[in-house]
Amino acid sequence: MAAARGRNDVQLLARCVNGEARGEPYEGQVAVAAVILNRVKHPSFPNTIPGVIYQKGAFTATSDGQINVPIKTNSTVYKACQDAMNGWDPTGGAVYYYNPAKTTNRWIFSREVIKIIGKHRFAR
């Protein structure tokens, strides 16, 4: 049962990362997955991958339906998510990320940026 849950978590994570970071460099895809995983560990967020991903308003991929697109297990985005789940965090512990050219929430600019990868800013 735990193995199935693990596969389901990686699939859900990959679906979210695909919607959020498609077109970003590999490291950026790992970084977005790491932010989701960092939120799971952070007391201000839900403590499961589905809880974080489906938190109201947290991710565009859930609100626009991209979350429903299955990801092949041999895809790059799936591998990026596995790398994040295995401990790679290129962000250094970020719990937020955004693309300054696309964000509509000005609050995010108040967060301390700790890393820039591709078009995303990673913050705490």
N, C-alpha and C. Protein backbone atom coordinates (compact mmCIF):
# COMPACT_ATOMS: atom_id res chain seq x y z
N MET A 1 0.82 -1.19 0.00
CA MET A 1 0.00 0.00 0.00
C MET A 1 0.87 1.26 0.00
N ALA A 2 1.93 1.28 0.81
CA ALA A 2 2.81 2.45 0.86
C ALA A 2 3.49 2.68 -0.48
N ALA A 3 3.86 1.58 -1.17
CA ALA A 3 4.50 1.73 -2.49
C ALA A 3 3.54 2.36 -3.48
N ALA A 4 2.28 1.95 -3.45
CA ALA A 4 1.28 2.54 -4.35
C ALA A 4 1.08 4.01 -4.01
N ARG A 5 1.02 4.33 -2.72
CA ARG A 5 0.86 5.72 -2.31
C ARG A 5 2.05 6.54 -2.80
N GLY A 6 3.27 5.98 -2.69
CA GLY A 6 4.46 6.66 -3.16
C GLY A 6 4.42 6.94 -4.64
N ARG A 7 4.00 5.94 -5.43
CA ARG A 7 3.86 6.14 -6.88
C ARG A 7 2.80 7.19 -7.19
N ASN A 8 1.69 7.13 -6.47
CA ASN A 8 0.62 8.12 -6.68
C ASN A 8 1.10 9.52 -6.32
N ASP A 9 1.90 9.65 -5.24
CA ASP A 9 2.43 10.95 -4.86
C ASP A 9 3.37 11.49 -5.93
N VAL A 10 4.24 10.62 -6.47
CA VAL A 10 5.16 11.07 -7.52
C VAL A 10 4.36 11.48 -8.76
N GLN A 11 3.35 10.72 -9.12
CA GLN A 11 2.52 11.06 -10.28
C GLN A 11 1.82 12.40 -10.08
N LEU A 12 1.24 12.61 -8.91
CA LEU A 12 0.56 13.87 -8.62
C LEU A 12 1.56 15.03 -8.62
N LEU A 13 2.69 14.82 -8.01
CA LEU A 13 3.74 15.83 -7.99
C LEU A 13 4.18 16.16 -9.42
N ALA A 14 4.39 15.13 -10.24
CA ALA A 14 4.80 15.34 -11.64
C ALA A 14 3.74 16.09 -12.43
N ARG A 15 2.48 15.80 -12.17
CA ARG A 15 1.40 16.50 -12.88
C ARG A 15 1.39 17.98 -12.50
N CYS A 16 1.62 18.26 -11.24
CA CYS A 16 1.66 19.66 -10.80
C CYS A 16 2.89 20.37 -11.37
N VAL A 17 4.04 19.74 -11.26
CA VAL A 17 5.28 20.34 -11.76
C VAL A 17 5.20 20.55 -13.27
N ASN A 18 4.61 19.61 -13.99
CA ASN A 18 4.45 19.77 -15.43
C ASN A 18 3.64 21.05 -15.74
N GLY A 19 2.57 21.25 -15.00
CA GLY A 19 1.75 22.44 -15.22
C GLY A 19 2.43 23.73 -14.77
N GLU A 20 3.24 23.64 -13.74
CA GLU A 20 3.87 24.83 -13.17
C GLU A 20 5.22 25.18 -13.79
N ALA A 21 5.96 24.17 -14.25
CA ALA A 21 7.35 24.41 -14.67
C ALA A 21 7.70 23.81 -16.02
N ARG A 22 6.69 23.47 -16.81
CA ARG A 22 6.97 22.97 -18.15
C ARG A 22 7.74 24.06 -18.91
N GLY A 23 8.81 23.67 -19.59
CA GLY A 23 9.62 24.64 -20.32
C GLY A 23 10.76 25.22 -19.50
N GLU A 24 10.77 24.95 -18.21
CA GLU A 24 11.87 25.41 -17.35
C GLU A 24 13.02 24.40 -17.45
N PRO A 25 14.24 24.80 -17.09
CA PRO A 25 15.34 23.84 -17.10
C PRO A 25 15.08 22.71 -16.09
N TYR A 26 15.76 21.60 -16.29
CA TYR A 26 15.57 20.44 -15.41
C TYR A 26 15.72 20.83 -13.95
N GLU A 27 16.75 21.58 -13.61
CA GLU A 27 16.97 22.00 -12.23
C GLU A 27 15.77 22.80 -11.71
N GLY A 28 15.16 23.58 -12.59
CA GLY A 28 13.98 24.36 -12.21
C GLY A 28 12.78 23.47 -11.93
N GLN A 29 12.66 22.38 -12.67
CA GLN A 29 11.57 21.43 -12.41
C GLN A 29 11.79 20.73 -11.07
N VAL A 30 13.02 20.34 -10.81
CA VAL A 30 13.34 19.73 -9.51
C VAL A 30 13.04 20.74 -8.40
N ALA A 31 13.38 22.00 -8.64
CA ALA A 31 13.19 23.04 -7.63
C ALA A 31 11.72 23.25 -7.31
N VAL A 32 10.85 23.26 -8.31
CA VAL A 32 9.41 23.41 -8.05
C VAL A 32 8.90 22.22 -7.25
N ALA A 33 9.34 21.02 -7.60
CA ALA A 33 8.96 19.83 -6.82
C ALA A 33 9.47 19.96 -5.38
N ALA A 34 10.69 20.46 -5.22
CA ALA A 34 11.27 20.62 -3.88
C ALA A 34 10.46 21.62 -3.05
N VAL A 35 9.98 22.69 -3.66
CA VAL A 35 9.15 23.65 -2.93
C VAL A 35 7.90 22.97 -2.39
N ILE A 36 7.27 22.15 -3.21
CA ILE A 36 6.08 21.42 -2.76
C ILE A 36 6.42 20.52 -1.58
N LEU A 37 7.54 19.81 -1.70
CA LEU A 37 7.97 18.92 -0.61
C LEU A 37 8.36 19.71 0.63
N ASN A 38 8.98 20.87 0.44
CA ASN A 38 9.33 21.72 1.58
C ASN A 38 8.07 22.20 2.31
N ARG A 39 7.03 22.47 1.55
CA ARG A 39 5.77 22.88 2.17
C ARG A 39 5.17 21.75 3.01
N VAL A 40 5.29 20.53 2.53
CA VAL A 40 4.77 19.38 3.29
C VAL A 40 5.42 19.34 4.68
N LYS A 41 6.70 19.70 4.77
CA LYS A 41 7.44 19.65 6.03
C LYS A 41 7.24 20.92 6.88
N HIS A 42 6.74 21.99 6.28
CA HIS A 42 6.61 23.28 6.95
C HIS A 42 5.29 23.36 7.73
N PRO A 43 5.31 23.86 8.96
CA PRO A 43 4.08 23.88 9.77
C PRO A 43 2.96 24.79 9.24
N SER A 44 3.26 25.70 8.34
CA SER A 44 2.23 26.61 7.80
C SER A 44 1.42 26.03 6.65
N PHE A 45 1.77 24.82 6.23
CA PHE A 45 1.12 24.21 5.07
C PHE A 45 0.58 22.84 5.43
N PRO A 46 -0.30 22.28 4.58
CA PRO A 46 -0.77 20.90 4.81
C PRO A 46 0.42 19.93 4.85
N ASN A 47 0.24 18.78 5.50
CA ASN A 47 1.38 17.88 5.70
C ASN A 47 1.40 16.67 4.77
N THR A 48 0.71 16.78 3.63
CA THR A 48 0.78 15.74 2.60
C THR A 48 0.97 16.39 1.24
N ILE A 49 1.48 15.62 0.29
CA ILE A 49 1.64 16.15 -1.07
C ILE A 49 0.29 16.55 -1.66
N PRO A 50 -0.74 15.69 -1.60
CA PRO A 50 -2.05 16.13 -2.13
C PRO A 50 -2.59 17.35 -1.38
N GLY A 51 -2.39 17.40 -0.07
CA GLY A 51 -2.87 18.55 0.70
C GLY A 51 -2.25 19.85 0.24
N VAL A 52 -0.94 19.84 0.00
CA VAL A 52 -0.24 21.03 -0.48
C VAL A 52 -0.69 21.38 -1.89
N ILE A 53 -0.72 20.40 -2.77
CA ILE A 53 -1.04 20.66 -4.18
C ILE A 53 -2.47 21.16 -4.35
N TYR A 54 -3.39 20.61 -3.58
CA TYR A 54 -4.79 21.01 -3.73
C TYR A 54 -5.21 22.13 -2.78
N GLN A 55 -4.25 22.73 -2.07
CA GLN A 55 -4.59 23.86 -1.21
C GLN A 55 -5.14 24.99 -2.10
N LYS A 56 -6.28 25.50 -1.73
CA LYS A 56 -6.98 26.49 -2.56
C LYS A 56 -6.08 27.67 -2.93
N GLY A 57 -5.98 27.90 -4.23
CA GLY A 57 -5.23 29.04 -4.75
C GLY A 57 -3.73 28.88 -4.78
N ALA A 58 -3.21 27.73 -4.38
CA ALA A 58 -1.76 27.58 -4.29
C ALA A 58 -1.07 27.42 -5.64
N PHE A 59 -1.70 26.68 -6.56
CA PHE A 59 -1.04 26.37 -7.83
C PHE A 59 -1.98 26.56 -9.00
N THR A 60 -1.51 27.23 -10.02
CA THR A 60 -2.28 27.45 -11.24
C THR A 60 -2.66 26.12 -11.87
N ALA A 61 -1.76 25.15 -11.81
CA ALA A 61 -2.01 23.85 -12.45
C ALA A 61 -3.27 23.17 -11.91
N THR A 62 -3.62 23.42 -10.66
CA THR A 62 -4.84 22.81 -10.12
C THR A 62 -6.07 23.60 -10.53
N SER A 63 -5.95 24.91 -10.63
CA SER A 63 -7.13 25.71 -10.96
C SER A 63 -7.45 25.70 -12.45
N ASP A 64 -6.45 25.47 -13.31
CA ASP A 64 -6.74 25.49 -14.75
C ASP A 64 -6.84 24.10 -15.37
N GLY A 65 -6.76 23.05 -14.55
CA GLY A 65 -6.97 21.69 -15.04
C GLY A 65 -5.74 20.95 -15.51
N GLN A 66 -4.58 21.62 -15.56
CA GLN A 66 -3.37 20.92 -16.02
C GLN A 66 -3.01 19.76 -15.10
N ILE A 67 -3.45 19.80 -13.86
CA ILE A 67 -3.18 18.75 -12.89
C ILE A 67 -3.75 17.41 -13.34
N ASN A 68 -4.71 17.44 -14.24
CA ASN A 68 -5.38 16.22 -14.69
C ASN A 68 -4.68 15.52 -15.85
N VAL A 69 -3.58 16.07 -16.34
CA VAL A 69 -2.85 15.47 -17.46
C VAL A 69 -1.86 14.44 -16.93
N PRO A 70 -2.08 13.15 -17.22
CA PRO A 70 -1.15 12.12 -16.72
C PRO A 70 0.26 12.31 -17.28
N ILE A 71 1.25 11.95 -16.49
CA ILE A 71 2.65 12.08 -16.89
C ILE A 71 3.27 10.70 -17.00
N LYS A 72 3.96 10.45 -18.09
CA LYS A 72 4.63 9.16 -18.28
C LYS A 72 5.78 9.01 -17.29
N THR A 73 5.92 7.80 -16.77
CA THR A 73 6.95 7.57 -15.75
C THR A 73 8.37 7.67 -16.31
N ASN A 74 8.53 7.63 -17.62
CA ASN A 74 9.86 7.78 -18.21
C ASN A 74 10.14 9.21 -18.66
N SER A 75 9.26 10.15 -18.31
CA SER A 75 9.43 11.54 -18.73
C SER A 75 10.43 12.27 -17.84
N THR A 76 10.97 13.34 -18.35
CA THR A 76 11.92 14.15 -17.61
C THR A 76 11.29 14.74 -16.36
N VAL A 77 10.06 15.23 -16.46
CA VAL A 77 9.42 15.85 -15.30
C VAL A 77 9.20 14.82 -14.19
N TYR A 78 8.86 13.60 -14.54
CA TYR A 78 8.69 12.54 -13.55
C TYR A 78 10.03 12.27 -12.85
N LYS A 79 11.11 12.19 -13.63
CA LYS A 79 12.44 11.97 -13.06
C LYS A 79 12.82 13.15 -12.16
N ALA A 80 12.49 14.37 -12.55
CA ALA A 80 12.79 15.55 -11.72
C ALA A 80 12.10 15.43 -10.36
N CYS A 81 10.87 14.95 -10.37
CA CYS A 81 10.12 14.78 -9.12
C CYS A 81 10.72 13.68 -8.26
N GLN A 82 11.16 12.61 -8.90
CA GLN A 82 11.83 11.54 -8.14
C GLN A 82 13.12 12.07 -7.51
N ASP A 83 13.87 12.89 -8.26
CA ASP A 83 15.10 13.47 -7.71
C ASP A 83 14.78 14.33 -6.48
N ALA A 84 13.72 15.12 -6.57
CA ALA A 84 13.32 15.95 -5.42
C ALA A 84 12.90 15.07 -4.24
N MET A 85 12.15 14.02 -4.52
CA MET A 85 11.71 13.13 -3.44
C MET A 85 12.89 12.39 -2.81
N ASN A 86 13.95 12.24 -3.58
CA ASN A 86 15.16 11.58 -3.06
C ASN A 86 16.09 12.57 -2.35
N GLY A 87 15.65 13.83 -2.20
CA GLY A 87 16.41 14.77 -1.39
C GLY A 87 17.07 15.94 -2.10
N TRP A 88 17.04 15.99 -3.43
CA TRP A 88 17.68 17.12 -4.12
C TRP A 88 16.79 18.35 -3.98
N ASP A 89 17.30 19.40 -3.38
CA ASP A 89 16.59 20.66 -3.26
C ASP A 89 17.48 21.80 -3.75
N PRO A 90 17.41 22.12 -5.04
CA PRO A 90 18.26 23.20 -5.57
C PRO A 90 17.90 24.58 -5.02
N THR A 91 16.79 24.69 -4.29
CA THR A 91 16.34 25.99 -3.79
C THR A 91 16.95 26.38 -2.45
N GLY A 92 17.51 25.42 -1.74
CA GLY A 92 18.03 25.70 -0.42
C GLY A 92 16.95 25.91 0.63
N GLY A 93 15.79 25.28 0.42
CA GLY A 93 14.74 25.33 1.43
C GLY A 93 13.58 26.26 1.15
N ALA A 94 13.42 26.72 -0.07
CA ALA A 94 12.33 27.64 -0.41
C ALA A 94 10.96 27.00 -0.21
N VAL A 95 9.98 27.81 0.19
CA VAL A 95 8.60 27.35 0.29
C VAL A 95 7.68 28.13 -0.67
N TYR A 96 8.26 29.05 -1.42
CA TYR A 96 7.50 29.80 -2.42
C TYR A 96 8.32 29.89 -3.70
N TYR A 97 7.64 30.04 -4.82
CA TYR A 97 8.30 30.38 -6.08
C TYR A 97 7.30 31.15 -6.91
N TYR A 98 7.83 31.91 -7.85
CA TYR A 98 6.96 32.68 -8.75
C TYR A 98 7.74 33.12 -9.98
N ASN A 99 7.01 33.41 -11.01
CA ASN A 99 7.57 34.00 -12.22
C ASN A 99 7.17 35.48 -12.18
N PRO A 100 8.13 36.40 -12.00
CA PRO A 100 7.76 37.81 -11.85
C PRO A 100 7.04 38.40 -13.06
N ALA A 101 7.20 37.78 -14.22
CA ALA A 101 6.52 38.27 -15.42
C ALA A 101 5.05 37.83 -15.47
N LYS A 102 4.70 36.83 -14.67
CA LYS A 102 3.34 36.28 -14.75
C LYS A 102 2.51 36.42 -13.48
N THR A 103 3.15 36.66 -12.35
CA THR A 103 2.40 36.66 -11.10
C THR A 103 1.41 37.82 -11.03
N THR A 104 0.28 37.54 -10.43
CA THR A 104 -0.74 38.59 -10.25
C THR A 104 -0.88 38.93 -8.77
N ASN A 105 -0.18 38.21 -7.91
CA ASN A 105 -0.27 38.43 -6.47
C ASN A 105 0.96 39.22 -6.02
N ARG A 106 0.79 40.48 -5.74
CA ARG A 106 1.90 41.36 -5.36
C ARG A 106 2.53 40.98 -4.02
N TRP A 107 1.79 40.27 -3.16
CA TRP A 107 2.30 39.86 -1.86
C TRP A 107 3.60 39.06 -2.00
N ILE A 108 3.69 38.26 -3.03
CA ILE A 108 4.84 37.38 -3.19
C ILE A 108 6.15 38.17 -3.29
N PHE A 109 6.08 39.41 -3.76
CA PHE A 109 7.29 40.23 -3.88
C PHE A 109 7.87 40.61 -2.52
N SER A 110 7.10 40.42 -1.45
CA SER A 110 7.59 40.72 -0.09
C SER A 110 8.45 39.59 0.46
N ARG A 111 8.45 38.45 -0.19
CA ARG A 111 9.21 37.29 0.29
C ARG A 111 10.68 37.41 -0.12
N GLU A 112 11.57 36.93 0.74
CA GLU A 112 13.01 36.98 0.46
C GLU A 112 13.38 35.94 -0.60
N VAL A 113 13.89 36.41 -1.72
CA VAL A 113 14.33 35.52 -2.81
C VAL A 113 15.68 34.92 -2.42
N ILE A 114 15.76 33.59 -2.47
CA ILE A 114 17.00 32.92 -2.10
C ILE A 114 17.68 32.25 -3.29
N LYS A 115 16.93 32.13 -4.41
CA LYS A 115 17.51 31.47 -5.59
C LYS A 115 16.71 31.86 -6.81
N ILE A 116 17.38 31.99 -7.94
CA ILE A 116 16.72 32.21 -9.23
C ILE A 116 17.15 31.06 -10.14
N ILE A 117 16.17 30.35 -10.68
CA ILE A 117 16.44 29.27 -11.63
C ILE A 117 15.48 29.46 -12.79
N GLY A 118 16.02 29.61 -13.99
CA GLY A 118 15.15 29.86 -15.15
C GLY A 118 14.37 31.13 -14.94
N LYS A 119 13.08 31.07 -15.18
CA LYS A 119 12.21 32.24 -15.03
C LYS A 119 11.61 32.37 -13.64
N HIS A 120 11.90 31.41 -12.75
CA HIS A 120 11.31 31.40 -11.43
C HIS A 120 12.23 32.00 -10.36
N ARG A 121 11.61 32.69 -9.42
CA ARG A 121 12.26 33.16 -8.21
C ARG A 121 11.81 32.25 -7.08
N PHE A 122 12.75 31.77 -6.29
CA PHE A 122 12.43 30.88 -5.16
C PHE A 122 12.68 31.65 -3.88
N ALA A 123 11.71 31.57 -2.98
CA ALA A 123 11.73 32.43 -1.80
C ALA A 123 11.32 31.69 -0.53
N ARG A 124 11.60 32.35 0.61
CA ARG A 124 11.14 31.81 1.89
C ARG A 124 10.13 32.75 2.50
